[in-house]
Amino acid sequence: MNEPWSREQLDRLAAEFRYVVTDAICRSGVGHIGGVMSLVEIVITLYFRILNVRPEEPDWPDRDRLILSKGHAGPVVYTALAYKGFFPKSWLCTINRNGTRLPSHMDQILTPGVEITAGSLGQGLSCACGMALAAKRDGRTHRVYCIIGDGESNEGQIWEAALFAAHQRLDNLIAICDYNKMQIDGRTDEVLELEPLADKWRAFGWETFEMDGHDWDDIHATLLRAREVTGRPAMVIAHTVKGKGNRETEGLVDCHNVKIPDEATYRRLMEGLECRFDLPY
């Protein structure tokens, strides 16, 4: 059962998540800080307020599924899984490192609570469609949530899956687009324009919502509305900020994949958070 949270508790947890993932990525020497930080509030809301899961039983058949199609944002999901109790928090210091069970891109074999192996962009939504269709045919009532990226939305497979989901009336499928408006090669509107993004998803047959991806109340209320949709899948376009919460990365294109070659860079990135927590490892 998900417990109620105050705004102060949620703000503190988000700050702690950003501190932990930044430290863990810095320890590995490289990582996708930008797209991790833009998802913090959304992932916390999902795992602590929305998803019906059992950390002590990761393969519980009636669990809700979360598919992270933009698999390079794995560190924020790892942090949520650890804080939720799927595995020890001490694992977090091994993110992206040799021999880890928490690789840079998510691996369903290595990590308890991870539903699919992700990395090749565009594939996660198709996997989510398959899971949602299987659930319907098996008469199960759980939901499938899928987080995609806006840069990832350049992939044709995203739109093939969108057509399929609407055709199959997968109203147990909720997709969330992390619309931070930046990707590895630049701003999304310069690389490949997505607008009018909401109208595109509506034209493909999805019930479409938009929300502020950093506002706790808006996230929670919108996701609750999305899961009440019947007869069609739901898309939630989350307006977010790349590198959110760190003055060294926030709103910067080059924070997509950050290299940390030395101690000075590590200190600069940690100081950019303007907060400090005891690390859980």
C-alpha atoms as a PDB file:
ATOM      1  CA  MET A   1       0.000   0.000   0.000  1.00  0.00           C
ATOM      2  CA  ASN A   2       1.362   3.424  -0.952  1.00  0.00           C
ATOM      3  CA  GLU A   3       1.388   5.801   2.021  1.00  0.00           C
ATOM      4  CA  PRO A   4       0.481   9.521   1.839  1.00  0.00           C
ATOM      5  CA  TRP A   5       3.419  11.897   1.511  1.00  0.00           C
ATOM      6  CA  SER A   6       3.712  15.568   2.377  1.00  0.00           C
ATOM      7  CA  ARG A   7       5.233  18.012  -0.091  1.00  0.00           C
ATOM      8  CA  GLU A   8       8.161  18.517   2.313  1.00  0.00           C
ATOM      9  CA  GLN A   9       8.839  14.769   2.430  1.00  0.00           C
ATOM     10  CA  LEU A  10       8.657  14.505  -1.335  1.00  0.00           C
ATOM     11  CA  ASP A  11      10.955  17.508  -1.866  1.00  0.00           C
ATOM     12  CA  ARG A  12      13.499  16.017   0.512  1.00  0.00           C
ATOM     13  CA  LEU A  13      13.347  12.619  -1.173  1.00  0.00           C
ATOM     14  CA  ALA A  14      13.826  14.199  -4.610  1.00  0.00           C
ATOM     15  CA  ALA A  15      16.853  16.141  -3.380  1.00  0.00           C
ATOM     16  CA  GLU A  16      18.289  12.977  -1.845  1.00  0.00           C
ATOM     17  CA  PHE A  17      17.714  11.030  -5.087  1.00  0.00           C
ATOM     18  CA  ARG A  18      19.551  13.711  -7.065  1.00  0.00           C
ATOM     19  CA  TYR A  19      22.416  13.661  -4.567  1.00  0.00           C
ATOM     20  CA  VAL A  20      22.742   9.870  -4.658  1.00  0.00           C
ATOM     21  CA  VAL A  21      22.522   9.456  -8.431  1.00  0.00           C
ATOM     22  CA  THR A  22      24.963  12.281  -9.066  1.00  0.00           C
ATOM     23  CA  ASP A  23      27.466  10.754  -6.639  1.00  0.00           C
ATOM     24  CA  ALA A  24      27.024   7.276  -8.109  1.00  0.00           C
ATOM     25  CA  ILE A  25      27.451   8.497 -11.691  1.00  0.00           C
ATOM     26  CA  CYS A  26      30.499  10.552 -10.714  1.00  0.00           C
ATOM     27  CA  ARG A  27      32.075   7.501  -9.087  1.00  0.00           C
ATOM     28  CA  SER A  28      31.713   5.571 -12.348  1.00  0.00           C
ATOM     29  CA  GLY A  29      33.322   8.393 -14.338  1.00  0.00           C
ATOM     30  CA  VAL A  30      30.536   8.848 -16.884  1.00  0.00           C
ATOM     31  CA  GLY A  31      26.758   8.819 -17.062  1.00  0.00           C
ATOM     32  CA  HIS A  32      23.528  10.261 -18.428  1.00  0.00           C
ATOM     33  CA  ILE A  33      22.916  12.859 -15.732  1.00  0.00           C
ATOM     34  CA  GLY A  34      20.586  15.065 -17.794  1.00  0.00           C
ATOM     35  CA  GLY A  35      17.850  12.547 -18.541  1.00  0.00           C
ATOM     36  CA  VAL A  36      18.130  11.036 -15.075  1.00  0.00           C
ATOM     37  CA  MET A  37      17.533  14.322 -13.282  1.00  0.00           C
ATOM     38  CA  SER A  38      14.537  15.263 -15.430  1.00  0.00           C
ATOM     39  CA  LEU A  39      12.671  12.130 -14.284  1.00  0.00           C
ATOM     40  CA  VAL A  40      13.195  12.274 -10.521  1.00  0.00           C
ATOM     41  CA  GLU A  41       9.753  13.569  -9.477  1.00  0.00           C
ATOM     42  CA  ILE A  42       7.941  11.332 -11.965  1.00  0.00           C
ATOM     43  CA  VAL A  43       9.751   8.162 -10.891  1.00  0.00           C
ATOM     44  CA  ILE A  44       9.266   8.918  -7.189  1.00  0.00           C
ATOM     45  CA  THR A  45       5.549   9.516  -7.754  1.00  0.00           C
ATOM     46  CA  LEU A  46       5.219   6.258  -9.642  1.00  0.00           C
ATOM     47  CA  TYR A  47       7.012   4.031  -7.150  1.00  0.00           C
ATOM     48  CA  PHE A  48       5.814   5.642  -3.929  1.00  0.00           C
ATOM     49  CA  ARG A  49       2.303   6.832  -4.829  1.00  0.00           C
ATOM     50  CA  ILE A  50       0.993   5.005  -7.914  1.00  0.00           C
ATOM     51  CA  LEU A  51       2.455   1.586  -8.731  1.00  0.00           C
ATOM     52  CA  ASN A  52       1.074  -1.547  -7.123  1.00  0.00           C
ATOM     53  CA  VAL A  53       4.235  -3.597  -6.530  1.00  0.00           C
ATOM     54  CA  ARG A  54       5.707  -5.931  -3.921  1.00  0.00           C
ATOM     55  CA  PRO A  55       9.445  -5.422  -3.350  1.00  0.00           C
ATOM     56  CA  GLU A  56       9.618  -8.700  -1.419  1.00  0.00           C
ATOM     57  CA  GLU A  57       8.059 -10.461  -4.434  1.00  0.00           C
ATOM     58  CA  PRO A  58       9.435  -8.758  -7.599  1.00  0.00           C
ATOM     59  CA  ASP A  59       7.773 -11.281  -9.932  1.00  0.00           C
ATOM     60  CA  TRP A  60       4.313 -11.056  -8.362  1.00  0.00           C
ATOM     61  CA  PRO A  61       1.995 -11.760 -11.340  1.00  0.00           C
ATOM     62  CA  ASP A  62      -0.456  -8.952 -10.543  1.00  0.00           C
ATOM     63  CA  ARG A  63       2.147  -6.212 -10.121  1.00  0.00           C
ATOM     64  CA  ASP A  64       1.986  -3.052 -12.196  1.00  0.00           C
ATOM     65  CA  ARG A  65       4.828  -2.929 -14.719  1.00  0.00           C
ATOM     66  CA  LEU A  66       7.091   0.067 -15.339  1.00  0.00           C
ATOM     67  CA  ILE A  67       8.980  -0.028 -18.628  1.00  0.00           C
ATOM     68  CA  LEU A  68      11.807   2.493 -18.944  1.00  0.00           C
ATOM     69  CA  SER A  69      12.187   2.695 -22.702  1.00  0.00           C
ATOM     70  CA  LYS A  70      14.805   5.463 -22.416  1.00  0.00           C
ATOM     71  CA  GLY A  71      17.014   2.942 -20.658  1.00  0.00           C
ATOM     72  CA  HIS A  72      19.955   5.302 -20.167  1.00  0.00           C
ATOM     73  CA  ALA A  73      17.968   6.936 -17.337  1.00  0.00           C
ATOM     74  CA  GLY A  74      18.264   3.702 -15.376  1.00  0.00           C
ATOM     75  CA  PRO A  75      20.060   5.228 -12.340  1.00  0.00           C
ATOM     76  CA  VAL A  76      16.950   7.086 -11.170  1.00  0.00           C
ATOM     77  CA  VAL A  77      14.867   3.901 -11.393  1.00  0.00           C
ATOM     78  CA  TYR A  78      17.612   1.954  -9.587  1.00  0.00           C
ATOM     79  CA  THR A  79      17.487   4.503  -6.797  1.00  0.00           C
ATOM     80  CA  ALA A  80      13.707   4.187  -6.516  1.00  0.00           C
ATOM     81  CA  LEU A  81      13.927   0.392  -6.495  1.00  0.00           C
ATOM     82  CA  ALA A  82      16.582   0.456  -3.767  1.00  0.00           C
ATOM     83  CA  TYR A  83      14.665   2.931  -1.585  1.00  0.00           C
ATOM     84  CA  LYS A  84      11.497   0.908  -2.130  1.00  0.00           C
ATOM     85  CA  GLY A  85      13.299  -2.233  -0.907  1.00  0.00           C
ATOM     86  CA  PHE A  86      13.853  -4.336  -4.033  1.00  0.00           C
ATOM     87  CA  PHE A  87      17.575  -4.637  -3.260  1.00  0.00           C
ATOM     88  CA  PRO A  88      20.103  -3.119  -0.804  1.00  0.00           C
ATOM     89  CA  LYS A  89      20.887   0.582  -1.143  1.00  0.00           C
ATOM     90  CA  SER A  90      24.566  -0.367  -0.947  1.00  0.00           C
ATOM     91  CA  TRP A  91      24.325  -1.544  -4.563  1.00  0.00           C
ATOM     92  CA  LEU A  92      23.850   2.050  -5.726  1.00  0.00           C
ATOM     93  CA  CYS A  93      27.545   2.918  -5.456  1.00  0.00           C
ATOM     94  CA  THR A  94      28.232   0.323  -8.172  1.00  0.00           C
ATOM     95  CA  ILE A  95      26.069   1.965 -10.870  1.00  0.00           C
ATOM     96  CA  ASN A  96      27.759   1.780 -14.297  1.00  0.00           C
ATOM     97  CA  ARG A  97      30.860   0.054 -12.881  1.00  0.00           C
ATOM     98  CA  ASN A  98      32.489  -3.231 -13.890  1.00  0.00           C
ATOM     99  CA  GLY A  99      30.751  -6.242 -12.376  1.00  0.00           C
ATOM    100  CA  THR A 100      27.710  -4.269 -11.256  1.00  0.00           C
ATOM    101  CA  ARG A 101      24.150  -5.499 -11.139  1.00  0.00           C
ATOM    102  CA  LEU A 102      23.110  -1.918 -12.018  1.00  0.00           C
ATOM    103  CA  PRO A 103      24.502  -1.277 -15.519  1.00  0.00           C
ATOM    104  CA  SER A 104      24.254   2.049 -17.341  1.00  0.00           C
ATOM    105  CA  HIS A 105      21.327   0.716 -19.378  1.00  0.00           C
ATOM    106  CA  MET A 106      18.823  -1.422 -17.521  1.00  0.00           C
ATOM    107  CA  ASP A 107      19.045  -5.236 -17.566  1.00  0.00           C
ATOM    108  CA  GLN A 108      16.105  -7.397 -16.478  1.00  0.00           C
ATOM    109  CA  ILE A 109      18.346 -10.369 -15.719  1.00  0.00           C
ATOM    110  CA  LEU A 110      20.706  -8.491 -13.409  1.00  0.00           C
ATOM    111  CA  THR A 111      18.378  -6.223 -11.428  1.00  0.00           C
ATOM    112  CA  PRO A 112      15.350  -7.177  -9.279  1.00  0.00           C
ATOM    113  CA  GLY A 113      12.330  -5.087 -10.245  1.00  0.00           C
ATOM    114  CA  VAL A 114      13.498  -4.281 -13.793  1.00  0.00           C
ATOM    115  CA  GLU A 115      10.961  -5.494 -16.371  1.00  0.00           C
ATOM    116  CA  ILE A 116      12.906  -5.265 -19.641  1.00  0.00           C
ATOM    117  CA  THR A 117      16.470  -4.875 -20.841  1.00  0.00           C
ATOM    118  CA  ALA A 118      16.659  -1.434 -22.432  1.00  0.00           C
ATOM    119  CA  GLY A 119      19.198   0.421 -24.490  1.00  0.00           C
ATOM    120  CA  SER A 120      18.157   0.409 -28.117  1.00  0.00           C
ATOM    121  CA  LEU A 121      15.816   3.376 -28.198  1.00  0.00           C
ATOM    122  CA  GLY A 122      12.298   2.906 -29.509  1.00  0.00           C
ATOM    123  CA  GLN A 123      11.756  -0.665 -28.366  1.00  0.00           C
ATOM    124  CA  GLY A 124      10.306  -0.175 -24.896  1.00  0.00           C
ATOM    125  CA  LEU A 125       6.885   1.019 -25.988  1.00  0.00           C
ATOM    126  CA  SER A 126       6.488  -2.045 -28.197  1.00  0.00           C
ATOM    127  CA  CYS A 127       7.365  -4.268 -25.227  1.00  0.00           C
ATOM    128  CA  ALA A 128       4.846  -2.388 -23.099  1.00  0.00           C
ATOM    129  CA  CYS A 129       2.174  -2.963 -25.747  1.00  0.00           C
ATOM    130  CA  GLY A 130       2.880  -6.688 -25.684  1.00  0.00           C
ATOM    131  CA  MET A 131       2.646  -6.809 -21.901  1.00  0.00           C
ATOM    132  CA  ALA A 132      -0.599  -4.830 -21.884  1.00  0.00           C
ATOM    133  CA  LEU A 133      -2.164  -7.033 -24.570  1.00  0.00           C
ATOM    134  CA  ALA A 134      -1.084 -10.199 -22.743  1.00  0.00           C
ATOM    135  CA  ALA A 135      -2.625  -8.893 -19.518  1.00  0.00           C
ATOM    136  CA  LYS A 136      -5.935  -8.246 -21.250  1.00  0.00           C
ATOM    137  CA  ARG A 137      -6.001 -11.682 -22.851  1.00  0.00           C
ATOM    138  CA  ASP A 138      -5.163 -13.303 -19.505  1.00  0.00           C
ATOM    139  CA  GLY A 139      -7.935 -11.366 -17.758  1.00  0.00           C
ATOM    140  CA  ARG A 140      -5.526  -9.569 -15.418  1.00  0.00           C
ATOM    141  CA  THR A 141      -6.176  -6.086 -14.087  1.00  0.00           C
ATOM    142  CA  HIS A 142      -2.682  -4.668 -13.562  1.00  0.00           C
ATOM    143  CA  ARG A 143      -1.452  -1.693 -15.599  1.00  0.00           C
ATOM    144  CA  VAL A 144       1.634  -1.176 -17.716  1.00  0.00           C
ATOM    145  CA  TYR A 145       3.440   2.176 -17.539  1.00  0.00           C
ATOM    146  CA  CYS A 146       6.084   3.123 -20.091  1.00  0.00           C
ATOM    147  CA  ILE A 147       8.465   6.098 -19.987  1.00  0.00           C
ATOM    148  CA  ILE A 148       9.782   7.242 -23.367  1.00  0.00           C
ATOM    149  CA  GLY A 149      12.084  10.118 -24.263  1.00  0.00           C
ATOM    150  CA  ASP A 150      11.385  13.018 -26.570  1.00  0.00           C
ATOM    151  CA  GLY A 151      14.606  12.348 -28.484  1.00  0.00           C
ATOM    152  CA  GLU A 152      13.587   8.700 -28.587  1.00  0.00           C
ATOM    153  CA  SER A 153      10.372   9.807 -30.265  1.00  0.00           C
ATOM    154  CA  ASN A 154      12.418  10.341 -33.430  1.00  0.00           C
ATOM    155  CA  GLU A 155      12.286   6.544 -33.768  1.00  0.00           C
ATOM    156  CA  GLY A 156       9.664   5.171 -36.134  1.00  0.00           C
ATOM    157  CA  GLN A 157       9.072   2.196 -33.871  1.00  0.00           C
ATOM    158  CA  ILE A 158       7.518   4.510 -31.284  1.00  0.00           C
ATOM    159  CA  TRP A 159       4.815   5.473 -33.750  1.00  0.00           C
ATOM    160  CA  GLU A 160       4.258   1.902 -34.955  1.00  0.00           C
ATOM    161  CA  ALA A 161       3.653   0.932 -31.326  1.00  0.00           C
ATOM    162  CA  ALA A 162       1.348   3.925 -30.923  1.00  0.00           C
ATOM    163  CA  LEU A 163      -0.809   2.727 -33.818  1.00  0.00           C
ATOM    164  CA  PHE A 164      -0.877  -0.823 -32.450  1.00  0.00           C
ATOM    165  CA  ALA A 165      -1.867   0.221 -28.928  1.00  0.00           C
ATOM    166  CA  ALA A 166      -4.768   2.350 -30.134  1.00  0.00           C
ATOM    167  CA  HIS A 167      -5.957  -0.359 -32.523  1.00  0.00           C
ATOM    168  CA  GLN A 168      -5.943  -2.913 -29.702  1.00  0.00           C
ATOM    169  CA  ARG A 169      -7.691  -0.469 -27.308  1.00  0.00           C
ATOM    170  CA  LEU A 170      -5.031  -0.991 -24.658  1.00  0.00           C
ATOM    171  CA  ASP A 171      -6.593   1.072 -21.890  1.00  0.00           C
ATOM    172  CA  ASN A 172      -4.336  -0.692 -19.367  1.00  0.00           C
ATOM    173  CA  LEU A 173      -1.324   1.071 -20.942  1.00  0.00           C
ATOM    174  CA  ILE A 174      -0.126   4.506 -19.782  1.00  0.00           C
ATOM    175  CA  ALA A 175       2.862   6.063 -21.541  1.00  0.00           C
ATOM    176  CA  ILE A 176       4.790   9.060 -20.229  1.00  0.00           C
ATOM    177  CA  CYS A 177       6.965  11.201 -22.495  1.00  0.00           C
ATOM    178  CA  ASP A 178       9.882  12.890 -20.716  1.00  0.00           C
ATOM    179  CA  TYR A 179       9.630  16.066 -22.764  1.00  0.00           C
ATOM    180  CA  ASN A 180      12.767  17.861 -21.597  1.00  0.00           C
ATOM    181  CA  LYS A 181      13.202  19.190 -25.147  1.00  0.00           C
ATOM    182  CA  MET A 182      16.848  18.165 -25.471  1.00  0.00           C
ATOM    183  CA  GLN A 183      18.646  15.109 -26.806  1.00  0.00           C
ATOM    184  CA  ILE A 184      22.213  14.029 -27.375  1.00  0.00           C
ATOM    185  CA  ASP A 185      22.676  16.084 -30.574  1.00  0.00           C
ATOM    186  CA  GLY A 186      20.927  19.270 -29.464  1.00  0.00           C
ATOM    187  CA  ARG A 187      17.462  20.702 -28.884  1.00  0.00           C
ATOM    188  CA  THR A 188      14.671  18.452 -30.100  1.00  0.00           C
ATOM    189  CA  ASP A 189      13.081  21.251 -32.099  1.00  0.00           C
ATOM    190  CA  GLU A 190      16.352  21.652 -34.018  1.00  0.00           C
ATOM    191  CA  VAL A 191      17.176  17.954 -34.469  1.00  0.00           C
ATOM    192  CA  LEU A 192      13.668  16.822 -35.487  1.00  0.00           C
ATOM    193  CA  GLU A 193      10.632  18.918 -34.588  1.00  0.00           C
ATOM    194  CA  LEU A 194       7.987  17.038 -32.579  1.00  0.00           C
ATOM    195  CA  GLU A 195       5.349  19.727 -32.263  1.00  0.00           C
ATOM    196  CA  PRO A 196       2.412  19.636 -32.165  1.00  0.00           C
ATOM    197  CA  LEU A 197       3.260  16.619 -29.989  1.00  0.00           C
ATOM    198  CA  ALA A 198      -0.008  16.338 -28.058  1.00  0.00           C
ATOM    199  CA  ASP A 199      -2.027  16.602 -31.275  1.00  0.00           C
ATOM    200  CA  LYS A 200       0.068  13.832 -32.844  1.00  0.00           C
ATOM    201  CA  TRP A 201      -0.732  11.418 -30.018  1.00  0.00           C
ATOM    202  CA  ARG A 202      -4.418  12.341 -30.177  1.00  0.00           C
ATOM    203  CA  ALA A 203      -4.407  11.726 -33.926  1.00  0.00           C
ATOM    204  CA  PHE A 204      -2.915   8.286 -33.257  1.00  0.00           C
ATOM    205  CA  GLY A 205      -5.905   7.453 -31.065  1.00  0.00           C
ATOM    206  CA  TRP A 206      -4.523   8.050 -27.571  1.00  0.00           C
ATOM    207  CA  GLU A 207      -6.186   9.933 -24.734  1.00  0.00           C
ATOM    208  CA  THR A 208      -3.576  12.634 -24.179  1.00  0.00           C
ATOM    209  CA  PHE A 209      -2.663  14.689 -21.133  1.00  0.00           C
ATOM    210  CA  GLU A 210       0.034  17.257 -20.390  1.00  0.00           C
ATOM    211  CA  MET A 211       1.615  17.992 -17.029  1.00  0.00           C
ATOM    212  CA  ASP A 212       4.444  19.779 -15.270  1.00  0.00           C
ATOM    213  CA  GLY A 213       6.874  16.909 -14.701  1.00  0.00           C
ATOM    214  CA  HIS A 214       8.332  18.543 -11.584  1.00  0.00           C
ATOM    215  CA  ASP A 215       5.114  19.521  -9.786  1.00  0.00           C
ATOM    216  CA  TRP A 216       4.050  16.858  -7.283  1.00  0.00           C
ATOM    217  CA  ASP A 217       0.339  17.643  -7.338  1.00  0.00           C
ATOM    218  CA  ASP A 218       0.148  17.906 -11.122  1.00  0.00           C
ATOM    219  CA  ILE A 219       2.043  14.632 -11.629  1.00  0.00           C
ATOM    220  CA  HIS A 220      -0.080  12.693  -9.170  1.00  0.00           C
ATOM    221  CA  ALA A 221      -3.420  14.078 -10.354  1.00  0.00           C
ATOM    222  CA  THR A 222      -2.588  13.581 -14.035  1.00  0.00           C
ATOM    223  CA  LEU A 223      -1.448   9.986 -13.577  1.00  0.00           C
ATOM    224  CA  LEU A 224      -4.605   9.209 -11.617  1.00  0.00           C
ATOM    225  CA  ARG A 225      -6.688  10.669 -14.445  1.00  0.00           C
ATOM    226  CA  ALA A 226      -4.703   8.693 -17.030  1.00  0.00           C
ATOM    227  CA  ARG A 227      -5.367   5.375 -15.355  1.00  0.00           C
ATOM    228  CA  GLU A 228      -9.123   6.005 -15.447  1.00  0.00           C
ATOM    229  CA  VAL A 229      -9.174   6.185 -19.258  1.00  0.00           C
ATOM    230  CA  THR A 230     -11.202   3.437 -20.921  1.00  0.00           C
ATOM    231  CA  GLY A 231     -11.268   2.150 -24.481  1.00  0.00           C
ATOM    232  CA  ARG A 232      -7.882   3.570 -25.514  1.00  0.00           C
ATOM    233  CA  PRO A 233      -4.308   3.963 -24.252  1.00  0.00           C
ATOM    234  CA  ALA A 234      -3.203   7.110 -22.421  1.00  0.00           C
ATOM    235  CA  MET A 235      -0.216   9.332 -23.172  1.00  0.00           C
ATOM    236  CA  VAL A 236       1.042  11.798 -20.558  1.00  0.00           C
ATOM    237  CA  ILE A 237       3.374  14.457 -21.952  1.00  0.00           C
ATOM    238  CA  ALA A 238       5.555  15.590 -19.059  1.00  0.00           C
ATOM    239  CA  HIS A 239       7.159  18.991 -19.496  1.00  0.00           C
ATOM    240  CA  THR A 240      10.498  18.650 -17.721  1.00  0.00           C
ATOM    241  CA  VAL A 241      13.931  20.288 -17.494  1.00  0.00           C
ATOM    242  CA  LYS A 242      17.047  18.419 -18.541  1.00  0.00           C
ATOM    243  CA  GLY A 243      19.563  18.170 -15.691  1.00  0.00           C
ATOM    244  CA  LYS A 244      16.988  19.517 -13.211  1.00  0.00           C
ATOM    245  CA  GLY A 245      18.225  20.442  -9.747  1.00  0.00           C
ATOM    246  CA  ASN A 246      21.929  21.002 -10.410  1.00  0.00           C
ATOM    247  CA  ARG A 247      23.198  24.420 -11.438  1.00  0.00           C
ATOM    248  CA  GLU A 248      26.018  22.727 -13.371  1.00  0.00           C
ATOM    249  CA  THR A 249      23.633  20.743 -15.587  1.00  0.00           C
ATOM    250  CA  GLU A 250      20.156  22.271 -15.510  1.00  0.00           C
ATOM    251  CA  GLY A 251      18.887  23.219 -18.954  1.00  0.00           C
ATOM    252  CA  LEU A 252      22.163  22.420 -20.708  1.00  0.00           C
ATOM    253  CA  VAL A 253      22.310  20.264 -23.845  1.00  0.00           C
ATOM    254  CA  ASP A 254      25.758  18.894 -23.007  1.00  0.00           C
ATOM    255  CA  CYS A 255      24.513  17.277 -19.771  1.00  0.00           C
ATOM    256  CA  HIS A 256      23.022  14.376 -21.732  1.00  0.00           C
ATOM    257  CA  ASN A 257      26.087  12.215 -21.102  1.00  0.00           C
ATOM    258  CA  VAL A 258      28.611  13.712 -18.704  1.00  0.00           C
ATOM    259  CA  LYS A 259      32.218  12.614 -18.248  1.00  0.00           C
ATOM    260  CA  ILE A 260      33.814  12.994 -14.829  1.00  0.00           C
ATOM    261  CA  PRO A 261      37.550  12.686 -15.470  1.00  0.00           C
ATOM    262  CA  ASP A 262      38.886  14.010 -12.162  1.00  0.00           C
ATOM    263  CA  GLU A 263      38.177  14.949  -8.555  1.00  0.00           C
ATOM    264  CA  ALA A 264      37.650  18.615  -9.440  1.00  0.00           C
ATOM    265  CA  THR A 265      34.797  17.750 -11.825  1.00  0.00           C
ATOM    266  CA  TYR A 266      33.276  15.477  -9.201  1.00  0.00           C
ATOM    267  CA  ARG A 267      33.340  18.240  -6.570  1.00  0.00           C
ATOM    268  CA  ARG A 268      31.911  20.779  -9.000  1.00  0.00           C
ATOM    269  CA  LEU A 269      28.950  18.552  -9.872  1.00  0.00           C
ATOM    270  CA  MET A 270      28.238  17.668  -6.248  1.00  0.00           C
ATOM    271  CA  GLU A 271      28.450  21.305  -5.169  1.00  0.00           C
ATOM    272  CA  GLY A 272      26.047  22.219  -7.964  1.00  0.00           C
ATOM    273  CA  LEU A 273      23.300  20.375  -6.095  1.00  0.00           C
ATOM    274  CA  GLU A 274      23.378  22.852  -3.178  1.00  0.00           C
ATOM    275  CA  CYS A 275      22.418  20.102  -0.729  1.00  0.00           C
ATOM    276  CA  ARG A 276      24.095  17.316   1.203  1.00  0.00           C
ATOM    277  CA  PHE A 277      22.919  13.925   2.441  1.00  0.00           C
ATOM    278  CA  ASP A 278      24.520  10.934   4.094  1.00  0.00           C
ATOM    279  CA  LEU A 279      25.093   8.432   1.312  1.00  0.00           C
ATOM    280  CA  PRO A 280      23.411   5.035   1.822  1.00  0.00           C
ATOM    281  CA  TYR A 281      26.613   3.142   0.973  1.00  0.00           C
END
